[in-house]
Amino acid sequence: MSSNGDIRENFERRRKRSLVVEVRDELERMILCGEVGAGEHLNEYTLAEQMGVSRAPVREAARSLERDVL
């Protein structure tokens, strides 16, 4: 049986991943709708503040989009 620490760690990882996916989806929408211009610099602090999240999920979402060449 898993310990409480393992369960909490797994839960936190799943929850964080879903937040990254939500932020990624929003960033993708902003790009595709033209709210963010081609080559425009994205400020992770500003985006995080606007989305009400920390900078980490914004950073991870941006990396994900970059990997997908969006």
Protein backbone atom coordinates (compact mmCIF):
# COMPACT_ATOMS: atom_id res chain seq x y z
CA MET A 1 0.00 0.00 0.00
CA SER A 2 1.23 3.52 -0.80
CA SER A 3 2.22 5.85 1.98
CA ASN A 4 0.42 9.16 2.50
CA GLY A 5 3.50 10.98 1.18
CA ASP A 6 3.38 9.01 -2.08
CA ILE A 7 -0.32 9.70 -2.52
CA ARG A 8 0.12 13.42 -1.85
CA GLU A 9 3.09 13.61 -4.25
CA ASN A 10 1.14 11.85 -7.01
CA PHE A 11 -1.87 14.10 -6.45
CA GLU A 12 0.24 17.26 -6.53
CA ARG A 13 1.95 16.13 -9.74
CA ARG A 14 -1.41 15.44 -11.46
CA ARG A 15 -2.88 18.72 -10.23
CA LYS A 16 0.16 20.69 -11.37
CA ARG A 17 0.14 19.00 -14.76
CA SER A 18 -3.49 19.89 -15.32
CA LEU A 19 -2.79 23.52 -14.42
CA VAL A 20 0.06 23.55 -16.94
CA VAL A 21 -2.32 22.14 -19.56
CA GLU A 22 -4.89 24.84 -18.77
CA VAL A 23 -2.26 27.59 -19.03
CA ARG A 24 -0.90 26.03 -22.24
CA ASP A 25 -4.39 25.97 -23.76
CA GLU A 26 -4.91 29.63 -22.87
CA LEU A 27 -1.53 30.65 -24.29
CA GLU A 28 -2.26 28.71 -27.46
CA ARG A 29 -5.65 30.42 -27.77
CA MET A 30 -4.02 33.84 -27.29
CA ILE A 31 -1.49 33.09 -30.03
CA LEU A 32 -3.99 31.65 -32.51
CA CYS A 33 -6.46 34.51 -31.95
CA GLY A 34 -3.76 37.09 -32.55
CA GLU A 35 -3.75 38.46 -29.01
CA VAL A 36 -0.02 37.71 -29.01
CA GLY A 37 1.86 38.71 -32.13
CA ALA A 38 4.38 36.57 -33.98
CA GLY A 39 7.77 36.90 -32.31
CA GLU A 40 6.33 38.94 -29.46
CA HIS A 41 8.18 38.49 -26.18
CA LEU A 42 6.00 36.91 -23.49
CA ASN A 43 6.63 38.09 -19.95
CA GLU A 44 5.99 35.11 -17.69
CA TYR A 45 5.50 37.31 -14.63
CA THR A 46 2.81 39.39 -16.36
CA LEU A 47 1.08 36.33 -17.83
CA ALA A 48 1.14 34.55 -14.47
CA GLU A 49 -0.38 37.59 -12.79
CA GLN A 50 -3.09 37.90 -15.46
CA MET A 51 -3.97 34.19 -15.18
CA GLY A 52 -3.79 34.10 -11.39
CA VAL A 53 -1.12 31.39 -11.28
CA SER A 54 2.54 31.20 -10.34
CA ARG A 55 5.25 31.61 -12.95
CA ALA A 56 6.15 27.89 -12.99
CA PRO A 57 3.08 26.67 -14.93
CA VAL A 58 3.43 29.58 -17.36
CA ARG A 59 7.08 28.68 -17.93
CA GLU A 60 6.27 25.00 -18.44
CA ALA A 61 3.37 25.80 -20.77
CA ALA A 62 5.55 28.12 -22.86
CA ARG A 63 8.22 25.41 -23.14
CA SER A 64 5.57 22.94 -24.23
CA LEU A 65 4.33 25.29 -26.95
CA GLU A 66 7.89 25.98 -28.03
CA ARG A 67 8.55 22.25 -28.37
CA ASP A 68 5.45 22.00 -30.56
CA VAL A 69 6.71 24.98 -32.61
CA LEU A 70 3.62 27.06 -32.13
